[in-house]
N, C-alpha and C. Protein backbone atom coordinates (compact mmCIF):
# COMPACT_ATOMS: atom_id res chain seq x y z
N UNK A 1 35.47 47.23 43.52
CA UNK A 1 34.24 46.47 43.13
C UNK A 1 32.86 47.16 42.74
N UNK A 2 33.31 48.44 43.71
CA UNK A 2 31.84 49.87 43.73
C UNK A 2 31.92 50.21 41.93
N UNK A 3 32.95 50.25 42.03
CA UNK A 3 33.12 50.75 40.14
C UNK A 3 32.40 49.87 39.52
N UNK A 4 32.53 48.57 39.10
CA UNK A 4 32.40 47.61 38.49
C UNK A 4 30.22 47.33 38.36
N UNK A 5 30.19 47.73 39.81
CA UNK A 5 28.82 47.71 40.13
C UNK A 5 28.13 49.02 39.70
N UNK A 6 28.64 50.10 39.73
CA UNK A 6 28.28 51.60 38.98
C UNK A 6 28.48 50.93 37.42
N UNK A 7 29.16 50.59 36.88
CA UNK A 7 29.36 50.73 35.44
C UNK A 7 28.51 49.36 35.22
N UNK A 8 28.10 48.62 35.69
CA UNK A 8 27.05 47.87 35.24
C UNK A 8 25.63 48.49 35.18
N UNK A 9 25.22 49.13 36.42
CA UNK A 9 23.99 50.02 36.48
C UNK A 9 24.23 50.92 35.18
N UNK A 10 25.01 51.35 34.91
CA UNK A 10 25.12 52.61 33.96
C UNK A 10 24.99 51.90 32.70
N UNK A 11 25.49 50.69 32.59
CA UNK A 11 24.95 50.20 31.18
C UNK A 11 23.54 49.86 31.16
N UNK A 12 22.94 49.41 32.27
CA UNK A 12 21.22 49.44 31.83
C UNK A 12 20.89 50.55 31.35
N UNK A 13 21.20 51.45 32.46
CA UNK A 13 20.67 53.23 32.30
C UNK A 13 20.86 53.48 30.48
N UNK A 14 21.88 53.22 29.96
CA UNK A 14 22.32 53.57 28.81
C UNK A 14 21.49 52.79 27.67
N UNK A 15 21.35 51.98 28.15
CA UNK A 15 20.38 50.60 27.28
C UNK A 15 18.81 51.28 27.06
N UNK A 16 18.22 51.48 28.59
CA UNK A 16 17.08 51.76 28.72
C UNK A 16 16.96 53.19 27.90
N UNK A 17 17.58 54.06 27.95
CA UNK A 17 17.65 55.33 27.34
C UNK A 17 17.54 55.24 25.87
N UNK A 18 18.62 54.70 25.43
CA UNK A 18 18.80 54.06 23.96
C UNK A 18 17.23 53.45 23.17
N UNK A 19 16.71 52.66 24.06
CA UNK A 19 15.86 51.57 23.67
C UNK A 19 14.61 52.74 23.74
N UNK A 20 14.64 53.86 24.36
CA UNK A 20 13.05 54.43 24.51
C UNK A 20 13.15 56.03 23.69
N UNK A 21 14.67 56.34 23.55
CA UNK A 21 14.74 57.86 22.92
C UNK A 21 14.33 57.80 21.40
N UNK A 22 13.31 59.02 21.02
CA UNK A 22 12.56 58.70 19.59
C UNK A 22 13.37 59.41 18.51
N UNK A 23 14.75 58.91 18.70
CA UNK A 23 15.76 59.57 17.56
C UNK A 23 15.88 58.28 16.26
N UNK A 24 15.93 58.95 15.35
CA UNK A 24 16.09 57.72 14.26
C UNK A 24 17.15 56.76 14.59
N UNK A 25 17.02 55.68 13.81
CA UNK A 25 17.83 54.47 14.69
C UNK A 25 19.28 54.68 14.13
N UNK A 26 19.69 55.50 13.28
CA UNK A 26 21.19 55.80 12.76
C UNK A 26 21.64 56.54 13.80
N UNK A 27 21.10 57.78 14.49
CA UNK A 27 20.98 58.58 15.29
C UNK A 27 21.66 58.01 16.87
N UNK A 28 20.87 56.71 16.93
CA UNK A 28 20.63 55.92 18.30
C UNK A 28 22.01 55.17 18.19
N UNK A 29 22.42 54.63 17.25
CA UNK A 29 23.81 53.77 16.76
C UNK A 29 25.09 54.77 17.30
N UNK A 30 24.77 56.06 16.69
CA UNK A 30 26.19 56.99 16.83
C UNK A 30 26.44 57.11 18.30
N UNK A 31 25.00 57.47 19.22
CA UNK A 31 24.61 57.69 20.29
C UNK A 31 25.22 56.26 21.48
N UNK A 32 24.67 55.48 20.90
CA UNK A 32 25.00 54.14 21.41
C UNK A 32 26.61 53.68 21.56
N UNK A 33 27.18 53.89 20.20
CA UNK A 33 28.77 53.69 20.24
C UNK A 33 29.41 54.61 21.13
N UNK A 34 28.74 56.05 21.31
CA UNK A 34 29.70 57.20 21.83
C UNK A 34 29.69 56.56 23.47
N UNK A 35 28.57 56.21 23.56
CA UNK A 35 28.13 56.29 25.43
C UNK A 35 28.96 54.84 25.30
N UNK A 36 29.35 53.72 24.76
CA UNK A 36 29.81 52.32 24.87
C UNK A 36 31.33 52.74 24.78
N UNK A 37 31.61 53.63 24.12
CA UNK A 37 33.14 53.97 24.13
C UNK A 37 33.48 54.45 25.63
N UNK A 38 32.60 55.43 26.13
CA UNK A 38 32.91 55.99 27.31
C UNK A 38 32.83 54.65 28.54
N UNK A 39 31.57 54.14 28.39
CA UNK A 39 31.54 52.78 29.44
C UNK A 39 32.77 51.95 29.03
N UNK A 40 32.91 51.62 28.35
CA UNK A 40 34.14 50.67 28.00
C UNK A 40 35.17 51.43 28.84
N UNK A 41 35.79 52.59 28.62
CA UNK A 41 37.05 53.09 29.06
C UNK A 41 36.85 53.21 30.35
N UNK A 42 35.61 53.53 31.09
CA UNK A 42 35.27 53.30 32.59
C UNK A 42 35.59 52.17 33.05
N UNK A 43 35.68 50.87 32.38
CA UNK A 43 35.58 49.61 32.58
C UNK A 43 37.29 49.18 32.94
N UNK A 44 37.85 49.62 31.34
CA UNK A 44 39.21 49.59 31.79
C UNK A 44 39.85 50.32 32.79
N UNK A 45 39.33 51.41 33.06
CA UNK A 45 39.99 52.49 34.23
C UNK A 45 39.45 51.45 35.37
N UNK A 46 38.32 51.21 35.84
CA UNK A 46 37.71 50.45 36.66
C UNK A 46 39.04 49.10 37.04
N UNK A 47 39.28 48.60 35.81
CA UNK A 47 39.98 47.17 36.00
C UNK A 47 41.24 47.38 36.33
N UNK A 48 41.78 48.69 36.06
CA UNK A 48 43.01 48.83 36.33
C UNK A 48 43.32 49.68 37.82
N UNK A 49 42.21 50.02 38.48
CA UNK A 49 42.10 50.72 39.67
C UNK A 49 42.19 51.82 39.65
N UNK A 50 42.00 52.64 38.40
CA UNK A 50 42.55 54.05 38.22
C UNK A 50 41.29 55.04 38.23
N UNK A 51 40.06 54.14 38.10
CA UNK A 51 38.80 54.84 38.05
C UNK A 51 38.25 55.80 39.66
N UNK A 52 39.05 57.34 39.49
CA UNK A 52 38.72 58.01 40.58
C UNK A 52 37.01 58.04 41.07
N UNK A 53 36.90 58.62 42.08
CA UNK A 53 35.38 58.49 42.68
C UNK A 53 35.01 60.06 41.72
N UNK A 54 36.11 60.89 41.88
CA UNK A 54 35.67 62.27 40.99
C UNK A 54 35.76 61.85 39.36
N UNK A 55 35.95 60.97 38.87
CA UNK A 55 36.23 61.00 37.50
C UNK A 55 34.74 61.60 36.38
N UNK A 56 35.21 62.23 35.79
CA UNK A 56 33.78 62.42 34.98
C UNK A 56 33.61 61.23 33.95
N UNK A 57 34.07 60.16 33.86
CA UNK A 57 33.23 58.98 33.52
C UNK A 57 32.17 58.38 34.45
N UNK A 58 32.17 58.49 35.76
CA UNK A 58 31.16 58.57 36.44
C UNK A 58 29.70 59.45 36.16
N UNK A 59 29.75 60.39 35.27
CA UNK A 59 28.78 60.76 34.79
C UNK A 59 27.86 60.26 33.49
N UNK A 60 28.25 58.96 33.42
CA UNK A 60 27.74 58.62 32.08
C UNK A 60 26.32 58.09 32.49
N UNK A 61 25.87 57.67 33.42
CA UNK A 61 23.99 57.46 33.47
C UNK A 61 23.24 59.01 33.27
N UNK A 62 23.96 60.21 33.55
CA UNK A 62 23.65 61.66 33.32
C UNK A 62 23.64 61.76 31.71
N UNK A 63 24.87 61.58 31.39
CA UNK A 63 24.92 61.44 30.00
C UNK A 63 23.51 61.07 28.82
N UNK A 64 23.35 59.80 29.45
CA UNK A 64 22.38 59.02 28.55
C UNK A 64 21.02 59.40 28.91
N UNK A 65 20.77 60.22 30.25
CA UNK A 65 19.68 60.40 30.48
C UNK A 65 19.44 61.86 29.89
N UNK A 66 20.32 62.53 29.83
CA UNK A 66 20.22 64.05 28.60
C UNK A 66 19.94 63.45 27.59
N UNK A 67 20.38 62.61 27.10
CA UNK A 67 19.91 62.26 25.75
C UNK A 67 18.71 61.95 25.66
N UNK A 68 18.08 60.84 26.40
CA UNK A 68 16.53 61.09 26.29
C UNK A 68 15.94 62.05 26.60
N UNK A 69 16.13 62.94 27.50
CA UNK A 69 15.38 63.98 27.59
C UNK A 69 15.64 65.12 26.23
N UNK A 70 16.42 65.30 25.59
CA UNK A 70 16.93 65.85 24.32
C UNK A 70 15.81 65.44 23.25
N UNK A 71 15.68 63.80 23.16
CA UNK A 71 15.03 63.25 22.32
C UNK A 71 13.42 63.69 22.73
N UNK A 72 13.14 63.55 23.68
CA UNK A 72 11.86 63.85 24.34
C UNK A 72 10.98 64.77 24.20
N UNK A 73 12.04 65.79 24.02
CA UNK A 73 11.32 67.33 23.68
C UNK A 73 11.81 67.67 22.20
N UNK A 74 12.05 66.57 21.60
CA UNK A 74 12.33 66.99 19.90
C UNK A 74 13.67 67.75 19.28
N UNK A 75 14.50 67.77 19.94
CA UNK A 75 15.80 68.78 19.76
C UNK A 75 16.95 67.90 19.07
N UNK A 76 16.76 68.19 17.80
CA UNK A 76 17.68 67.65 16.61
C UNK A 76 19.07 68.38 16.97
N UNK A 77 18.98 69.74 16.92
CA UNK A 77 20.35 70.32 17.00
C UNK A 77 20.85 69.84 18.33
N UNK A 78 20.05 69.99 19.47
CA UNK A 78 20.47 69.36 20.79
C UNK A 78 21.28 68.13 20.93
N UNK A 79 20.84 67.10 19.85
CA UNK A 79 21.21 65.79 19.43
C UNK A 79 23.11 66.02 18.71
N UNK A 80 23.03 66.78 18.18
CA UNK A 80 24.30 67.19 17.05
C UNK A 80 25.45 67.79 18.61
N UNK A 81 24.92 68.56 19.39
CA UNK A 81 25.55 69.36 20.07
C UNK A 81 26.10 68.25 21.86
N UNK A 82 24.87 67.10 21.55
CA UNK A 82 25.51 66.40 22.76
C UNK A 82 26.25 65.10 22.12
N UNK A 83 26.61 65.15 20.71
CA UNK A 83 27.65 64.08 20.22
C UNK A 83 28.88 64.24 20.85
N UNK A 84 29.18 65.72 21.33
CA UNK A 84 30.73 65.88 21.93
C UNK A 84 30.78 65.61 23.25
N UNK A 85 29.89 65.33 23.57
CA UNK A 85 29.84 65.11 25.22
C UNK A 85 30.75 63.87 25.84
N UNK A 86 30.16 62.89 24.86
CA UNK A 86 31.02 61.49 25.19
C UNK A 86 32.61 61.43 25.44
N UNK A 87 32.93 62.13 23.87
CA UNK A 87 34.35 62.59 23.66
C UNK A 87 35.21 63.15 24.59
N UNK A 88 34.46 64.28 24.62
CA UNK A 88 34.99 65.05 25.62
C UNK A 88 35.00 64.40 27.29
N UNK A 89 34.20 63.82 27.76
CA UNK A 89 34.36 63.05 29.12
C UNK A 89 35.87 62.09 29.02
N UNK A 90 35.74 61.51 28.25
CA UNK A 90 37.28 60.71 28.29
C UNK A 90 38.02 61.46 28.16
N UNK A 91 38.10 62.40 27.39
CA UNK A 91 39.26 63.35 27.22
C UNK A 91 39.64 64.19 28.45
N UNK A 92 38.43 64.41 29.18
CA UNK A 92 39.06 65.23 30.46
C UNK A 92 39.38 64.28 31.44
N UNK A 93 38.92 63.00 31.40
CA UNK A 93 39.49 61.77 32.40
C UNK A 93 41.23 61.72 32.19
N UNK A 94 41.67 61.63 30.82
CA UNK A 94 42.81 61.47 30.36
C UNK A 94 43.62 62.98 30.54
N UNK A 95 43.18 64.06 30.68
CA UNK A 95 43.76 65.08 30.88
C UNK A 95 44.66 65.62 31.66
N UNK A 96 44.85 64.92 33.28
CA UNK A 96 45.05 65.44 34.07
C UNK A 96 46.99 65.55 34.20
N UNK A 97 47.49 65.07 32.68
CA UNK A 97 49.09 65.27 32.28
C UNK A 97 49.09 66.55 31.91
N UNK A 98 48.10 67.47 31.76
CA UNK A 98 48.10 69.06 31.47
C UNK A 98 47.12 70.03 32.11
N UNK A 99 47.23 70.86 32.91
CA UNK A 99 46.67 71.60 33.63
C UNK A 99 45.90 72.43 32.31
N UNK A 100 46.32 73.38 31.43
CA UNK A 100 45.78 73.99 30.69
C UNK A 100 44.52 73.06 29.73
N UNK A 101 45.20 72.15 29.40
CA UNK A 101 44.08 71.20 28.77
C UNK A 101 43.22 70.75 29.62
N UNK A 102 43.30 70.29 30.48
CA UNK A 102 42.15 69.65 31.61
C UNK A 102 41.03 71.08 31.76
N UNK A 103 41.92 71.95 32.11
CA UNK A 103 40.58 73.52 32.01
C UNK A 103 39.98 73.68 30.78
N UNK A 104 40.47 74.05 29.84
CA UNK A 104 39.76 74.28 28.64
C UNK A 104 38.70 72.90 28.38
N UNK A 105 39.05 71.18 28.59
CA UNK A 105 38.45 70.28 28.07
C UNK A 105 37.03 70.74 29.28
N UNK A 106 37.28 70.75 30.72
CA UNK A 106 36.44 71.02 31.18
C UNK A 106 35.40 72.29 31.19
N UNK A 107 36.00 73.19 30.82
CA UNK A 107 34.93 74.85 30.31
C UNK A 107 34.13 74.17 29.26
N UNK A 108 34.60 73.65 28.36
CA UNK A 108 33.86 73.10 27.12
C UNK A 108 32.73 72.36 27.61
N UNK A 109 33.24 71.18 27.88
CA UNK A 109 32.44 69.93 28.24
C UNK A 109 31.27 70.73 29.16
N UNK A 110 31.43 71.27 30.24
CA UNK A 110 30.29 72.24 31.09
C UNK A 110 29.19 73.17 30.37
N UNK A 111 30.03 74.01 29.74
CA UNK A 111 29.20 74.18 28.88
C UNK A 111 28.39 74.20 27.89
N UNK A 112 28.93 73.08 27.46
CA UNK A 112 28.19 72.30 26.05
C UNK A 112 26.92 71.84 27.36
N UNK A 113 26.99 70.90 28.45
CA UNK A 113 26.24 70.55 29.19
C UNK A 113 24.83 71.84 29.56
N UNK A 114 25.54 72.85 30.04
CA UNK A 114 24.56 73.54 30.39
C UNK A 114 23.70 73.97 29.19
N UNK A 115 24.32 73.69 28.31
CA UNK A 115 23.39 74.72 27.03
C UNK A 115 22.61 73.86 26.34
N UNK A 116 22.86 72.24 26.66
CA UNK A 116 21.82 71.16 26.38
C UNK A 116 20.82 71.10 27.65
N UNK A 117 21.19 71.42 28.74
CA UNK A 117 20.01 71.57 29.64
C UNK A 117 18.91 72.90 29.56
N UNK A 118 19.58 73.66 29.07
CA UNK A 118 18.87 75.04 28.06
C UNK A 118 17.74 74.76 27.15
N UNK A 119 18.19 73.87 26.28
CA UNK A 119 17.48 73.16 25.51
C UNK A 119 16.13 72.49 25.66
N UNK A 120 16.52 71.44 26.77
CA UNK A 120 15.78 70.68 27.17
C UNK A 120 14.32 71.39 28.22
N UNK A 121 15.03 72.27 28.84
CA UNK A 121 13.99 73.39 29.69
C UNK A 121 13.24 73.84 28.83
N UNK A 122 13.96 74.69 27.84
CA UNK A 122 12.98 75.73 27.07
C UNK A 122 12.16 75.00 26.20
N UNK A 123 12.74 74.19 25.31
CA UNK A 123 11.73 73.35 24.61
C UNK A 123 10.38 72.42 25.26
N UNK A 124 10.85 72.06 26.56
CA UNK A 124 10.03 71.00 27.23
C UNK A 124 8.92 71.98 27.83
N UNK A 125 9.37 73.13 27.85
CA UNK A 125 8.46 74.22 28.84
C UNK A 125 7.65 75.11 27.71
N UNK A 126 8.26 74.75 26.36
CA UNK A 126 7.38 75.62 25.16
C UNK A 126 7.97 77.40 25.43
N UNK A 127 9.21 77.65 25.90
CA UNK A 127 9.32 78.80 26.46
C UNK A 127 9.47 79.93 25.59
N UNK A 128 8.92 80.81 25.47
CA UNK A 128 9.01 82.02 24.49
C UNK A 128 9.16 83.35 25.35
N UNK A 129 9.18 84.64 24.70
CA UNK A 129 9.47 85.73 25.01
C UNK A 129 10.47 86.14 26.00
N UNK A 130 9.68 86.80 27.10
CA UNK A 130 10.39 87.10 28.48
C UNK A 130 10.57 85.81 29.12
N UNK A 131 9.73 85.12 29.29
CA UNK A 131 10.18 83.61 30.01
C UNK A 131 11.85 83.01 29.38
N UNK A 132 11.59 82.80 28.07
CA UNK A 132 12.45 82.30 27.59
C UNK A 132 13.95 83.08 27.78
N UNK A 133 14.07 84.61 27.64
CA UNK A 133 15.28 85.43 28.11
C UNK A 133 15.33 85.48 29.55
N UNK A 134 14.62 85.34 30.42
CA UNK A 134 14.95 85.33 31.51
C UNK A 134 15.80 83.74 32.11
N UNK A 135 14.97 82.58 31.60
CA UNK A 135 15.88 81.26 31.82
C UNK A 135 16.93 81.21 31.17
N UNK A 136 17.37 82.12 29.93
CA UNK A 136 18.65 81.85 29.11
C UNK A 136 19.61 82.73 29.90
N UNK A 137 18.93 84.01 30.79
CA UNK A 137 20.24 84.55 31.49
C UNK A 137 20.17 83.91 32.59
N UNK A 138 19.56 83.30 33.18
CA UNK A 138 19.73 82.29 34.48
C UNK A 138 20.60 81.02 34.39
N UNK A 139 20.28 80.76 33.28
CA UNK A 139 21.22 79.30 32.91
C UNK A 139 22.71 79.85 32.68
N UNK A 140 22.63 81.04 32.19
CA UNK A 140 24.00 81.06 31.76
C UNK A 140 24.64 81.68 33.00
N UNK A 141 24.01 82.49 33.90
CA UNK A 141 24.55 82.70 34.93
C UNK A 141 25.15 81.76 35.99
N UNK A 142 24.64 80.89 35.86
CA UNK A 142 24.81 79.59 36.71
C UNK A 142 25.81 78.96 36.07
N UNK A 143 25.80 78.76 34.56
CA UNK A 143 26.82 78.18 34.16
C UNK A 143 28.26 78.73 34.07
N UNK A 144 28.22 80.01 34.10
CA UNK A 144 29.67 80.86 34.11
C UNK A 144 29.75 80.43 35.59
N UNK A 145 29.11 81.01 36.41
CA UNK A 145 29.98 80.60 37.78
C UNK A 145 30.50 79.20 38.06
N UNK A 146 29.53 78.15 37.91
CA UNK A 146 29.98 76.76 38.03
C UNK A 146 31.10 76.70 37.09
N UNK A 147 31.34 77.21 36.03
CA UNK A 147 32.39 76.37 35.12
C UNK A 147 33.95 77.39 35.72
N UNK A 148 33.73 78.39 36.04
CA UNK A 148 34.48 79.59 36.81
C UNK A 148 35.09 78.56 37.86
N UNK A 149 34.21 78.10 39.06
CA UNK A 149 34.53 77.56 40.03
C UNK A 149 35.21 76.42 39.85
N UNK A 150 34.90 75.72 38.61
CA UNK A 150 35.60 74.21 38.44
C UNK A 150 36.68 74.31 37.97
N UNK A 151 36.91 75.73 36.96
CA UNK A 151 38.12 75.58 36.54
C UNK A 151 39.18 76.29 36.98
N UNK A 152 38.70 76.92 38.21
CA UNK A 152 39.67 77.38 39.18
C UNK A 152 40.45 76.07 40.37
N UNK A 153 39.39 75.57 40.74
CA UNK A 153 39.46 74.07 41.61
C UNK A 153 40.39 73.09 40.59
N UNK A 154 40.33 73.22 39.46
CA UNK A 154 41.28 72.13 38.65
C UNK A 154 42.68 72.86 38.30
N UNK A 155 42.60 74.29 38.14
CA UNK A 155 43.83 75.23 38.06
C UNK A 155 44.64 74.93 39.39
N UNK A 156 44.06 74.77 40.34
CA UNK A 156 44.92 74.86 41.80
C UNK A 156 45.52 73.42 42.28
N UNK A 157 45.06 72.75 41.71
CA UNK A 157 45.08 71.20 42.03
C UNK A 157 46.70 71.08 42.24
N UNK A 158 46.92 70.32 43.27
CA UNK A 158 48.19 70.41 43.78
C UNK A 158 49.41 69.62 43.25
N UNK A 159 48.91 68.73 42.30
CA UNK A 159 49.97 68.13 41.72
C UNK A 159 50.22 68.43 40.33
N UNK A 160 49.64 69.87 40.12
CA UNK A 160 49.88 70.79 39.11
C UNK A 160 50.70 71.97 39.72
N UNK A 161 50.91 72.03 40.77
CA UNK A 161 51.51 73.46 41.23
C UNK A 161 53.06 73.55 41.43
N UNK A 162 53.82 73.96 41.25
CA UNK A 162 55.20 73.97 41.60
C UNK A 162 55.74 73.95 42.83
N UNK A 163 54.93 74.48 43.59
CA UNK A 163 55.79 74.31 45.09
C UNK A 163 55.01 73.19 46.08
N UNK A 164 54.07 72.36 45.13
CA UNK A 164 53.14 71.50 45.84
C UNK A 164 52.75 71.53 46.93
């Protein structure tokens, strides 16, 4: 039941984000379609009882808010980088059958998310020069550490180990 309540709340956040984001209508339709695919997938998984607490589908409200932030700072390139996030989210949730695929998708998804966060802050704060360079180095350092730790955690999952 908690999953259904979460997904209902997520749909509200998605709708509000799409209503407010200052992108062209065609871009909103693309984003809305992608977010609804993730939402529908999450609803299907919740209905079958397979929506785990650590499922990446639970990042859906964050994906919608990231899209809103990218739109508010006027990042057109960020939108096109964001378009990969919803399909990668579903793919990561489907990937538990293969450890290598899960780790690769995890790394791509999170590095993309960190790059988008970089864009939001850099454009939102109008960073240039040394401030931009320091922010870039800092976010890259955190991203690499985060992705490496997560990839290691995924790689060592018990259901993928031979000796269990």
